[in-house]
Amino acid sequence: MSKSIPLRLLPALLGAAFGLASIPAMADDTRPWQGISIELNAVQQLEDNSCRLIFVANNGTGTDIEKMSAETVLFNQQGSVSRFTLFDFRELPDGKTRVRQFDLADTECSSVTRILINGTSDCTVNGQESTACVDGLAVSSKTGVEFIG
């Protein structure tokens, strides 16, 4: 007499049968993530006492961003706000990755412990101001500097 296998166990059993670690279950929503992701990729101390911040930005909004300027707040080692600044990410074409770097004059990189994207001062889509730059914004850091949004 055969027994039926619950459908929820089928992906794991098929994975085991074919030597795969696992086969993920299909999600109800198979659309790719939509929004802008910005990664703080590198922090470099320059010889002229400037700190260079290098960001990798990906636009997955479904539309070209003609211009994006981020209101950015830098925090020091004591957790206090040390600087407000605008980072001009310029154009971010849909589906594309862009690398942007910003040099902070008279700044020791070791004094920057956290960076906050406080909002945007400019987000232009189709010639008009848009919320596309902050809707679904995801930030991350590959450095020792905390990056939040």
N, C-alpha and C. Protein backbone atom coordinates (compact mmCIF):
# COMPACT_ATOMS: atom_id res chain seq x y z
N MET A 1 0.84 -1.17 0.00
CA MET A 1 0.00 0.00 0.00
C MET A 1 0.89 1.23 0.00
N SER A 2 0.64 2.14 -0.91
CA SER A 2 1.49 3.33 -1.01
C SER A 2 0.91 4.46 -0.18
N LYS A 3 1.80 5.28 0.30
CA LYS A 3 1.40 6.46 1.06
C LYS A 3 1.68 7.69 0.21
N SER A 4 0.85 8.69 0.36
CA SER A 4 1.10 9.94 -0.38
C SER A 4 2.08 10.81 0.40
N ILE A 5 2.82 11.57 -0.32
CA ILE A 5 3.81 12.49 0.26
C ILE A 5 3.20 13.88 0.29
N PRO A 6 3.26 14.54 1.45
CA PRO A 6 2.75 15.91 1.50
C PRO A 6 3.51 16.80 0.51
N LEU A 7 2.79 17.65 -0.21
CA LEU A 7 3.40 18.50 -1.22
C LEU A 7 4.48 19.41 -0.64
N ARG A 8 4.35 19.83 0.61
CA ARG A 8 5.34 20.73 1.19
C ARG A 8 6.71 20.06 1.34
N LEU A 9 6.76 18.72 1.35
CA LEU A 9 8.02 18.00 1.47
C LEU A 9 8.66 17.68 0.12
N LEU A 10 7.92 17.84 -0.95
CA LEU A 10 8.38 17.47 -2.28
C LEU A 10 9.68 18.17 -2.69
N PRO A 11 9.84 19.50 -2.51
CA PRO A 11 11.11 20.13 -2.91
C PRO A 11 12.33 19.53 -2.20
N ALA A 12 12.21 19.25 -0.91
CA ALA A 12 13.34 18.69 -0.17
C ALA A 12 13.65 17.27 -0.65
N LEU A 13 12.62 16.48 -0.90
CA LEU A 13 12.83 15.11 -1.37
C LEU A 13 13.45 15.09 -2.76
N LEU A 14 12.97 15.95 -3.65
CA LEU A 14 13.55 16.02 -4.99
C LEU A 14 15.00 16.48 -4.92
N GLY A 15 15.27 17.43 -4.06
CA GLY A 15 16.64 17.91 -3.89
C GLY A 15 17.55 16.80 -3.41
N ALA A 16 17.09 16.03 -2.45
CA ALA A 16 17.89 14.91 -1.93
C ALA A 16 18.08 13.84 -3.00
N ALA A 17 17.04 13.56 -3.77
CA ALA A 17 17.11 12.53 -4.80
C ALA A 17 18.10 12.89 -5.90
N PHE A 18 18.22 14.17 -6.20
CA PHE A 18 19.11 14.60 -7.28
C PHE A 18 20.42 15.19 -6.75
N GLY A 19 20.69 15.02 -5.47
CA GLY A 19 21.96 15.47 -4.91
C GLY A 19 22.07 16.98 -4.76
N LEU A 20 20.95 17.66 -4.69
CA LEU A 20 20.96 19.10 -4.52
C LEU A 20 20.74 19.44 -3.06
N ALA A 21 21.34 20.52 -2.60
CA ALA A 21 21.18 20.91 -1.20
C ALA A 21 19.73 21.20 -0.89
N SER A 22 19.08 21.94 -1.75
CA SER A 22 17.65 22.20 -1.58
C SER A 22 17.12 22.85 -2.84
N ILE A 23 15.86 22.75 -3.01
CA ILE A 23 15.18 23.46 -4.08
C ILE A 23 14.21 24.40 -3.40
N PRO A 24 14.43 25.70 -3.55
CA PRO A 24 13.56 26.63 -2.83
C PRO A 24 12.13 26.57 -3.36
N ALA A 25 11.21 26.76 -2.46
CA ALA A 25 9.80 26.81 -2.85
C ALA A 25 9.56 28.08 -3.64
N MET A 26 8.62 28.04 -4.56
CA MET A 26 8.30 29.21 -5.35
C MET A 26 7.55 30.21 -4.50
N ALA A 27 7.98 31.44 -4.54
CA ALA A 27 7.29 32.50 -3.81
C ALA A 27 6.06 32.93 -4.59
N ASP A 28 5.09 33.45 -3.86
CA ASP A 28 3.89 33.94 -4.52
C ASP A 28 4.22 35.11 -5.43
N ASP A 29 5.15 35.98 -5.00
CA ASP A 29 5.51 37.17 -5.78
C ASP A 29 6.88 36.92 -6.40
N THR A 30 6.93 36.67 -7.70
CA THR A 30 8.18 36.34 -8.36
C THR A 30 8.82 37.55 -9.03
N ARG A 31 8.25 38.76 -8.81
CA ARG A 31 8.85 39.95 -9.39
C ARG A 31 10.19 40.21 -8.73
N PRO A 32 11.18 40.74 -9.48
CA PRO A 32 12.45 41.10 -8.86
C PRO A 32 12.24 42.30 -7.93
N TRP A 33 13.17 42.46 -6.99
CA TRP A 33 13.11 43.57 -6.03
C TRP A 33 13.07 44.88 -6.79
N GLN A 34 12.23 45.80 -6.35
CA GLN A 34 12.10 47.09 -7.01
C GLN A 34 12.52 48.19 -6.05
N GLY A 35 13.43 49.02 -6.48
CA GLY A 35 13.91 50.13 -5.68
C GLY A 35 15.35 50.44 -6.04
N ILE A 36 15.94 51.30 -5.26
CA ILE A 36 17.35 51.65 -5.44
C ILE A 36 18.13 51.06 -4.28
N SER A 37 19.23 50.40 -4.58
CA SER A 37 20.12 49.92 -3.54
C SER A 37 21.43 50.69 -3.66
N ILE A 38 21.93 51.09 -2.50
CA ILE A 38 23.21 51.80 -2.45
C ILE A 38 24.09 51.10 -1.43
N GLU A 39 25.26 50.70 -1.87
CA GLU A 39 26.23 50.03 -1.01
C GLU A 39 27.43 50.93 -0.79
N LEU A 40 27.82 51.13 0.46
CA LEU A 40 29.09 51.78 0.76
C LEU A 40 30.15 50.71 0.55
N ASN A 41 30.88 50.83 -0.55
CA ASN A 41 31.78 49.77 -0.98
C ASN A 41 33.19 49.92 -0.47
N ALA A 42 33.67 51.16 -0.32
CA ALA A 42 35.05 51.37 0.14
C ALA A 42 35.18 52.74 0.77
N VAL A 43 36.12 52.82 1.71
CA VAL A 43 36.48 54.08 2.37
C VAL A 43 38.00 54.18 2.26
N GLN A 44 38.49 55.27 1.68
CA GLN A 44 39.93 55.41 1.45
C GLN A 44 40.43 56.74 1.98
N GLN A 45 41.48 56.68 2.81
CA GLN A 45 42.12 57.90 3.27
C GLN A 45 43.07 58.38 2.19
N LEU A 46 42.94 59.64 1.78
CA LEU A 46 43.79 60.21 0.74
C LEU A 46 44.91 61.02 1.37
N GLU A 47 45.98 61.21 0.62
CA GLU A 47 47.15 61.92 1.13
C GLU A 47 46.89 63.37 1.46
N ASP A 48 45.89 63.98 0.84
CA ASP A 48 45.61 65.40 1.09
C ASP A 48 44.67 65.60 2.29
N ASN A 49 44.59 64.59 3.17
CA ASN A 49 43.73 64.62 4.36
C ASN A 49 42.25 64.64 4.00
N SER A 50 41.91 64.04 2.86
CA SER A 50 40.51 63.86 2.47
C SER A 50 40.14 62.40 2.66
N CYS A 51 38.87 62.16 2.88
CA CYS A 51 38.35 60.81 2.99
C CYS A 51 37.47 60.55 1.77
N ARG A 52 37.79 59.50 1.03
CA ARG A 52 37.02 59.14 -0.16
C ARG A 52 36.04 58.02 0.20
N LEU A 53 34.77 58.26 -0.10
CA LEU A 53 33.72 57.27 0.07
C LEU A 53 33.29 56.79 -1.30
N ILE A 54 33.30 55.48 -1.51
CA ILE A 54 32.93 54.91 -2.80
C ILE A 54 31.65 54.09 -2.62
N PHE A 55 30.64 54.44 -3.43
CA PHE A 55 29.33 53.80 -3.37
C PHE A 55 29.04 53.07 -4.66
N VAL A 56 28.32 51.96 -4.56
CA VAL A 56 27.81 51.23 -5.71
C VAL A 56 26.28 51.34 -5.64
N ALA A 57 25.69 51.92 -6.67
CA ALA A 57 24.24 52.14 -6.71
C ALA A 57 23.62 51.31 -7.82
N ASN A 58 22.51 50.66 -7.51
CA ASN A 58 21.75 49.87 -8.48
C ASN A 58 20.33 50.40 -8.54
N ASN A 59 19.84 50.62 -9.76
CA ASN A 59 18.49 51.11 -9.94
C ASN A 59 17.61 49.97 -10.44
N GLY A 60 16.69 49.53 -9.59
CA GLY A 60 15.73 48.50 -9.95
C GLY A 60 14.31 49.01 -9.87
N THR A 61 14.13 50.31 -10.11
CA THR A 61 12.81 50.93 -9.95
C THR A 61 11.88 50.68 -11.14
N GLY A 62 12.45 50.31 -12.28
CA GLY A 62 11.63 50.17 -13.48
C GLY A 62 11.61 51.43 -14.31
N THR A 63 12.31 52.46 -13.86
CA THR A 63 12.35 53.72 -14.60
C THR A 63 13.72 54.36 -14.42
N ASP A 64 14.14 55.14 -15.41
CA ASP A 64 15.42 55.85 -15.30
C ASP A 64 15.29 56.98 -14.29
N ILE A 65 16.28 57.10 -13.42
CA ILE A 65 16.36 58.24 -12.52
C ILE A 65 17.28 59.24 -13.22
N GLU A 66 16.74 60.40 -13.54
CA GLU A 66 17.52 61.41 -14.26
C GLU A 66 18.50 62.12 -13.34
N LYS A 67 18.13 62.27 -12.08
CA LYS A 67 19.02 62.92 -11.12
C LYS A 67 18.61 62.51 -9.71
N MET A 68 19.63 62.16 -8.91
CA MET A 68 19.39 61.84 -7.51
C MET A 68 20.46 62.49 -6.66
N SER A 69 20.05 63.32 -5.72
CA SER A 69 20.94 63.90 -4.73
C SER A 69 20.46 63.47 -3.36
N ALA A 70 21.34 62.86 -2.59
CA ALA A 70 20.98 62.32 -1.28
C ALA A 70 21.44 63.27 -0.17
N GLU A 71 20.51 63.59 0.73
CA GLU A 71 20.85 64.34 1.94
C GLU A 71 21.53 63.35 2.88
N THR A 72 22.79 63.61 3.18
CA THR A 72 23.60 62.65 3.91
C THR A 72 24.11 63.26 5.21
N VAL A 73 24.07 62.46 6.27
CA VAL A 73 24.54 62.91 7.59
C VAL A 73 25.68 61.99 8.00
N LEU A 74 26.79 62.58 8.41
CA LEU A 74 27.94 61.81 8.88
C LEU A 74 28.03 61.93 10.39
N PHE A 75 28.32 60.81 11.05
CA PHE A 75 28.46 60.77 12.49
C PHE A 75 29.90 60.46 12.86
N ASN A 76 30.37 61.02 13.98
CA ASN A 76 31.75 60.80 14.43
C ASN A 76 31.82 59.65 15.43
N GLN A 77 33.01 59.45 15.99
CA GLN A 77 33.24 58.34 16.92
C GLN A 77 32.43 58.45 18.20
N GLN A 78 32.02 59.65 18.56
CA GLN A 78 31.19 59.85 19.76
C GLN A 78 29.70 59.67 19.46
N GLY A 79 29.36 59.40 18.20
CA GLY A 79 27.97 59.23 17.81
C GLY A 79 27.27 60.54 17.53
N SER A 80 28.03 61.64 17.51
CA SER A 80 27.46 62.96 17.24
C SER A 80 27.50 63.27 15.76
N VAL A 81 26.55 64.08 15.31
CA VAL A 81 26.54 64.52 13.92
C VAL A 81 27.77 65.39 13.69
N SER A 82 28.54 65.04 12.69
CA SER A 82 29.73 65.84 12.38
C SER A 82 29.56 66.66 11.10
N ARG A 83 28.66 66.22 10.21
CA ARG A 83 28.51 66.94 8.95
C ARG A 83 27.21 66.57 8.25
N PHE A 84 26.58 67.58 7.67
CA PHE A 84 25.48 67.39 6.72
C PHE A 84 26.05 67.68 5.34
N THR A 85 25.72 66.87 4.36
CA THR A 85 26.22 67.12 3.02
C THR A 85 25.25 66.51 1.99
N LEU A 86 25.39 66.93 0.75
CA LEU A 86 24.63 66.34 -0.35
C LEU A 86 25.57 65.52 -1.20
N PHE A 87 25.19 64.29 -1.49
CA PHE A 87 25.92 63.45 -2.42
C PHE A 87 25.10 63.38 -3.70
N ASP A 88 25.68 63.86 -4.78
CA ASP A 88 25.00 63.89 -6.08
C ASP A 88 25.30 62.59 -6.82
N PHE A 89 24.34 61.68 -6.80
CA PHE A 89 24.50 60.41 -7.50
C PHE A 89 24.23 60.53 -9.00
N ARG A 90 23.84 61.73 -9.43
CA ARG A 90 23.57 62.03 -10.83
C ARG A 90 22.51 61.10 -11.39
N GLU A 91 22.68 60.67 -12.64
CA GLU A 91 21.69 59.81 -13.27
C GLU A 91 21.93 58.36 -12.86
N LEU A 92 20.83 57.63 -12.71
CA LEU A 92 20.88 56.20 -12.40
C LEU A 92 19.92 55.49 -13.36
N PRO A 93 20.44 55.02 -14.50
CA PRO A 93 19.58 54.35 -15.48
C PRO A 93 18.97 53.07 -14.90
N ASP A 94 17.75 52.78 -15.28
CA ASP A 94 17.07 51.58 -14.80
C ASP A 94 17.84 50.33 -15.19
N GLY A 95 17.96 49.43 -14.23
CA GLY A 95 18.61 48.15 -14.48
C GLY A 95 20.12 48.22 -14.56
N LYS A 96 20.69 49.36 -14.23
CA LYS A 96 22.14 49.55 -14.35
C LYS A 96 22.78 49.75 -12.99
N THR A 97 24.07 49.46 -12.92
CA THR A 97 24.88 49.69 -11.74
C THR A 97 25.80 50.86 -12.02
N ARG A 98 25.91 51.76 -11.07
CA ARG A 98 26.80 52.91 -11.19
C ARG A 98 27.66 53.02 -9.94
N VAL A 99 28.93 53.40 -10.13
CA VAL A 99 29.84 53.63 -9.01
C VAL A 99 30.04 55.13 -8.90
N ARG A 100 29.87 55.65 -7.68
CA ARG A 100 30.05 57.08 -7.42
C ARG A 100 31.00 57.23 -6.25
N GLN A 101 31.88 58.22 -6.34
CA GLN A 101 32.79 58.48 -5.23
C GLN A 101 32.70 59.93 -4.82
N PHE A 102 32.88 60.15 -3.52
CA PHE A 102 32.78 61.48 -2.95
C PHE A 102 33.96 61.69 -2.02
N ASP A 103 34.67 62.80 -2.20
CA ASP A 103 35.81 63.12 -1.36
C ASP A 103 35.40 64.16 -0.32
N LEU A 104 35.65 63.84 0.93
CA LEU A 104 35.35 64.74 2.05
C LEU A 104 36.63 65.43 2.46
N ALA A 105 36.74 66.73 2.15
CA ALA A 105 37.96 67.49 2.47
C ALA A 105 38.15 67.58 3.97
N ASP A 106 39.41 67.63 4.37
CA ASP A 106 39.78 67.80 5.78
C ASP A 106 39.06 66.81 6.69
N THR A 107 39.03 65.55 6.28
CA THR A 107 38.32 64.53 7.05
C THR A 107 39.18 63.27 7.15
N GLU A 108 39.40 62.83 8.38
CA GLU A 108 40.04 61.54 8.61
C GLU A 108 38.95 60.48 8.50
N CYS A 109 39.18 59.48 7.68
CA CYS A 109 38.18 58.42 7.50
C CYS A 109 37.85 57.74 8.83
N SER A 110 38.84 57.63 9.71
CA SER A 110 38.60 56.97 10.99
C SER A 110 37.61 57.73 11.87
N SER A 111 37.36 59.01 11.54
CA SER A 111 36.41 59.79 12.32
C SER A 111 34.96 59.59 11.85
N VAL A 112 34.77 58.94 10.71
CA VAL A 112 33.43 58.69 10.18
C VAL A 112 33.04 57.27 10.58
N THR A 113 32.08 57.17 11.50
CA THR A 113 31.68 55.84 11.99
C THR A 113 30.32 55.40 11.50
N ARG A 114 29.50 56.37 11.08
CA ARG A 114 28.15 56.04 10.60
C ARG A 114 27.73 57.07 9.57
N ILE A 115 27.03 56.61 8.54
CA ILE A 115 26.50 57.49 7.50
C ILE A 115 25.01 57.20 7.38
N LEU A 116 24.22 58.27 7.36
CA LEU A 116 22.77 58.17 7.25
C LEU A 116 22.30 58.87 5.98
N ILE A 117 21.53 58.16 5.15
CA ILE A 117 20.81 58.81 4.06
C ILE A 117 19.53 59.35 4.69
N ASN A 118 19.48 60.66 4.87
CA ASN A 118 18.38 61.32 5.58
C ASN A 118 17.17 61.54 4.68
N GLY A 119 17.37 61.45 3.38
CA GLY A 119 16.32 61.69 2.40
C GLY A 119 16.97 62.12 1.10
N THR A 120 16.17 62.67 0.21
CA THR A 120 16.73 63.19 -1.03
C THR A 120 16.36 64.65 -1.17
N SER A 121 17.26 65.42 -1.77
CA SER A 121 16.95 66.82 -2.06
C SER A 121 16.52 66.96 -3.51
N ASP A 122 16.84 65.94 -4.31
CA ASP A 122 16.45 65.94 -5.71
C ASP A 122 16.31 64.51 -6.17
N CYS A 123 15.17 64.20 -6.73
CA CYS A 123 14.93 62.90 -7.36
C CYS A 123 14.05 63.19 -8.57
N THR A 124 14.68 63.18 -9.74
CA THR A 124 13.97 63.56 -10.96
C THR A 124 13.74 62.35 -11.85
N VAL A 125 12.46 62.14 -12.20
CA VAL A 125 12.05 61.08 -13.11
C VAL A 125 11.11 61.71 -14.14
N ASN A 126 11.42 61.50 -15.41
CA ASN A 126 10.61 62.07 -16.50
C ASN A 126 10.43 63.58 -16.34
N GLY A 127 11.49 64.26 -15.90
CA GLY A 127 11.47 65.71 -15.77
C GLY A 127 10.72 66.24 -14.56
N GLN A 128 10.25 65.35 -13.68
CA GLN A 128 9.47 65.78 -12.52
C GLN A 128 10.05 65.19 -11.24
N GLU A 129 9.81 65.90 -10.14
CA GLU A 129 10.21 65.40 -8.83
C GLU A 129 9.46 64.10 -8.54
N SER A 130 10.16 63.14 -7.92
CA SER A 130 9.59 61.82 -7.69
C SER A 130 10.00 61.30 -6.31
N THR A 131 9.27 60.32 -5.82
CA THR A 131 9.65 59.63 -4.58
C THR A 131 10.37 58.32 -4.88
N ALA A 132 10.63 58.03 -6.15
CA ALA A 132 11.24 56.76 -6.56
C ALA A 132 12.59 56.52 -5.90
N CYS A 133 13.30 57.58 -5.54
CA CYS A 133 14.63 57.43 -4.96
C CYS A 133 14.60 56.95 -3.51
N VAL A 134 13.49 57.17 -2.82
CA VAL A 134 13.40 56.74 -1.43
C VAL A 134 12.42 55.59 -1.23
N ASP A 135 11.50 55.39 -2.17
CA ASP A 135 10.58 54.26 -2.08
C ASP A 135 11.37 52.98 -2.28
N GLY A 136 11.46 52.15 -1.28
CA GLY A 136 12.19 50.89 -1.41
C GLY A 136 13.69 51.06 -1.40
N LEU A 137 14.21 52.18 -0.86
CA LEU A 137 15.66 52.38 -0.78
C LEU A 137 16.27 51.36 0.17
N ALA A 138 17.30 50.67 -0.28
CA ALA A 138 18.02 49.70 0.55
C ALA A 138 19.49 50.11 0.58
N VAL A 139 20.06 50.18 1.77
CA VAL A 139 21.47 50.55 1.91
C VAL A 139 22.22 49.43 2.63
N SER A 140 23.51 49.33 2.33
CA SER A 140 24.36 48.32 2.97
C SER A 140 25.79 48.83 2.95
N SER A 141 26.65 48.16 3.70
CA SER A 141 28.06 48.56 3.77
C SER A 141 28.97 47.34 3.72
N LYS A 142 30.02 47.45 2.93
CA LYS A 142 31.06 46.42 2.90
C LYS A 142 32.29 46.92 3.68
N THR A 143 32.11 47.97 4.45
CA THR A 143 33.21 48.57 5.20
C THR A 143 32.91 48.51 6.68
N GLY A 144 33.79 49.03 7.49
CA GLY A 144 33.58 49.11 8.93
C GLY A 144 32.69 50.28 9.32
N VAL A 145 32.28 51.07 8.34
CA VAL A 145 31.41 52.22 8.60
C VAL A 145 29.96 51.77 8.45
N GLU A 146 29.16 52.02 9.48
CA GLU A 146 27.74 51.68 9.43
C GLU A 146 27.06 52.60 8.43
N PHE A 147 26.19 52.05 7.60
CA PHE A 147 25.47 52.82 6.58
C PHE A 147 24.00 52.52 6.72
N ILE A 148 23.20 53.55 7.02
CA ILE A 148 21.78 53.37 7.27
C ILE A 148 20.98 54.33 6.42
N GLY A 149 19.70 54.01 6.23
CA GLY A 149 18.86 54.86 5.40
C GLY A 149 17.47 54.97 5.92
